[in-house]
Amino acid sequence: MKQFAGVLMLPLVLCLAACGERPQVVNYKQGTYQGKPDTPPYNAAPFNGDKTKWEHALETRAQNQNEYKRIR
C-alpha cells in the first residue's frame, strides 16, 4: 500500500514543484542603458582610431567585391 501511495504522490509533488518557479523578469531603469557601451569599429587594432583609414579600407573592400570592376 505504501508503494501505491508513493506512486500517486510523485506526480502530485512534481506538479506542485513546477508551480513554484519564480518569474525571471529583468527590472529596467527608465531611460538608462545598462549594457556595455559600444565602441566605434575604427578603434580596433588595425586602424587604432584612424577613421579615414577605416573608411578607405571599407571603400577598397567594396570595390574589390564589384564584379564589373573586377572583370575589366
C-alpha atoms as a PDB file:
ATOM      1  CA  MET A   1       0.000   0.000   0.000  1.00  0.00           C
ATOM      2  CA  LYS A   2       2.902   2.345   0.718  1.00  0.00           C
ATOM      3  CA  GLN A   3       4.284   1.824  -2.789  1.00  0.00           C
ATOM      4  CA  PHE A   4       0.895   2.643  -4.293  1.00  0.00           C
ATOM      5  CA  ALA A   5       0.714   5.847  -2.237  1.00  0.00           C
ATOM      6  CA  GLY A   6       4.245   6.751  -3.330  1.00  0.00           C
ATOM      7  CA  VAL A   7       3.335   6.269  -6.980  1.00  0.00           C
ATOM      8  CA  LEU A   8       0.329   8.567  -6.563  1.00  0.00           C
ATOM      9  CA  MET A   9       2.263  11.198  -4.632  1.00  0.00           C
ATOM     10  CA  LEU A  10       5.133  11.501  -7.118  1.00  0.00           C
ATOM     11  CA  PRO A  11       3.114  13.200  -9.933  1.00  0.00           C
ATOM     12  CA  LEU A  12       1.438  15.446  -7.367  1.00  0.00           C
ATOM     13  CA  VAL A  13       4.793  16.557  -5.969  1.00  0.00           C
ATOM     14  CA  LEU A  14       6.194  17.182  -9.465  1.00  0.00           C
ATOM     15  CA  CYS A  15       3.164  19.274 -10.446  1.00  0.00           C
ATOM     16  CA  LEU A  16       3.451  21.380  -7.307  1.00  0.00           C
ATOM     17  CA  ALA A  17       7.185  21.854  -7.848  1.00  0.00           C
ATOM     18  CA  ALA A  18       6.527  23.262 -11.313  1.00  0.00           C
ATOM     19  CA  CYS A  19       4.179  25.886  -9.845  1.00  0.00           C
ATOM     20  CA  GLY A  20       6.906  27.198  -7.556  1.00  0.00           C
ATOM     21  CA  GLU A  21       9.061  28.711 -10.307  1.00  0.00           C
ATOM     22  CA  ARG A  22       9.647  32.410  -9.886  1.00  0.00           C
ATOM     23  CA  PRO A  23       9.265  34.777 -12.863  1.00  0.00           C
ATOM     24  CA  GLN A  24      12.589  35.750 -14.447  1.00  0.00           C
ATOM     25  CA  VAL A  25      11.862  39.320 -15.488  1.00  0.00           C
ATOM     26  CA  VAL A  26      14.547  41.982 -15.630  1.00  0.00           C
ATOM     27  CA  ASN A  27      13.783  45.249 -13.858  1.00  0.00           C
ATOM     28  CA  TYR A  28      14.828  48.052 -16.199  1.00  0.00           C
ATOM     29  CA  LYS A  29      15.631  51.544 -15.007  1.00  0.00           C
ATOM     30  CA  GLN A  30      13.690  54.020 -17.110  1.00  0.00           C
ATOM     31  CA  GLY A  31      15.847  55.974 -19.561  1.00  0.00           C
ATOM     32  CA  THR A  32      19.155  54.227 -18.892  1.00  0.00           C
ATOM     33  CA  TYR A  33      21.066  51.688 -20.940  1.00  0.00           C
ATOM     34  CA  GLN A  34      22.522  49.002 -18.708  1.00  0.00           C
ATOM     35  CA  GLY A  35      24.645  47.151 -21.271  1.00  0.00           C
ATOM     36  CA  LYS A  36      28.226  47.734 -22.235  1.00  0.00           C
ATOM     37  CA  PRO A  37      28.976  50.888 -24.236  1.00  0.00           C
ATOM     38  CA  ASP A  38      29.557  50.452 -27.951  1.00  0.00           C
ATOM     39  CA  THR A  39      32.954  51.361 -29.339  1.00  0.00           C
ATOM     40  CA  PRO A  40      33.424  52.630 -32.893  1.00  0.00           C
ATOM     41  CA  PRO A  41      34.672  49.958 -35.325  1.00  0.00           C
ATOM     42  CA  TYR A  42      37.717  52.026 -36.277  1.00  0.00           C
ATOM     43  CA  ASN A  43      39.062  51.799 -32.712  1.00  0.00           C
ATOM     44  CA  ALA A  44      40.125  48.189 -33.388  1.00  0.00           C
ATOM     45  CA  ALA A  45      43.748  47.101 -33.669  1.00  0.00           C
ATOM     46  CA  PRO A  46      44.364  47.502 -37.433  1.00  0.00           C
ATOM     47  CA  PHE A  47      43.172  51.129 -37.519  1.00  0.00           C
ATOM     48  CA  ASN A  48      43.973  52.370 -33.978  1.00  0.00           C
ATOM     49  CA  GLY A  49      41.340  55.120 -34.035  1.00  0.00           C
ATOM     50  CA  ASP A  50      42.105  56.408 -37.555  1.00  0.00           C
ATOM     51  CA  LYS A  51      38.638  56.897 -39.049  1.00  0.00           C
ATOM     52  CA  THR A  52      39.854  57.923 -42.527  1.00  0.00           C
ATOM     53  CA  LYS A  53      41.998  54.781 -42.814  1.00  0.00           C
ATOM     54  CA  TRP A  54      38.973  52.681 -41.782  1.00  0.00           C
ATOM     55  CA  GLU A  55      36.719  54.399 -44.354  1.00  0.00           C
ATOM     56  CA  HIS A  56      39.340  53.846 -47.066  1.00  0.00           C
ATOM     57  CA  ALA A  57      39.575  50.148 -46.156  1.00  0.00           C
ATOM     58  CA  LEU A  58      35.771  49.814 -46.398  1.00  0.00           C
ATOM     59  CA  GLU A  59      35.722  51.538 -49.779  1.00  0.00           C
ATOM     60  CA  THR A  60      38.536  49.337 -51.086  1.00  0.00           C
ATOM     61  CA  ARG A  61      36.792  46.191 -49.895  1.00  0.00           C
ATOM     62  CA  ALA A  62      33.542  47.263 -51.556  1.00  0.00           C
ATOM     63  CA  GLN A  63      35.323  47.935 -54.842  1.00  0.00           C
ATOM     64  CA  ASN A  64      37.047  44.540 -54.711  1.00  0.00           C
ATOM     65  CA  GLN A  65      33.618  42.910 -54.459  1.00  0.00           C
ATOM     66  CA  ASN A  66      32.346  44.764 -57.522  1.00  0.00           C
ATOM     67  CA  GLU A  67      32.139  42.172 -60.332  1.00  0.00           C
ATOM     68  CA  TYR A  68      32.015  44.758 -63.119  1.00  0.00           C
ATOM     69  CA  LYS A  69      35.250  46.383 -61.999  1.00  0.00           C
ATOM     70  CA  ARG A  70      36.961  43.026 -61.331  1.00  0.00           C
ATOM     71  CA  ILE A  71      36.365  41.674 -64.836  1.00  0.00           C
ATOM     72  CA  ARG A  72      37.615  44.738 -66.712  1.00  0.00           C
END
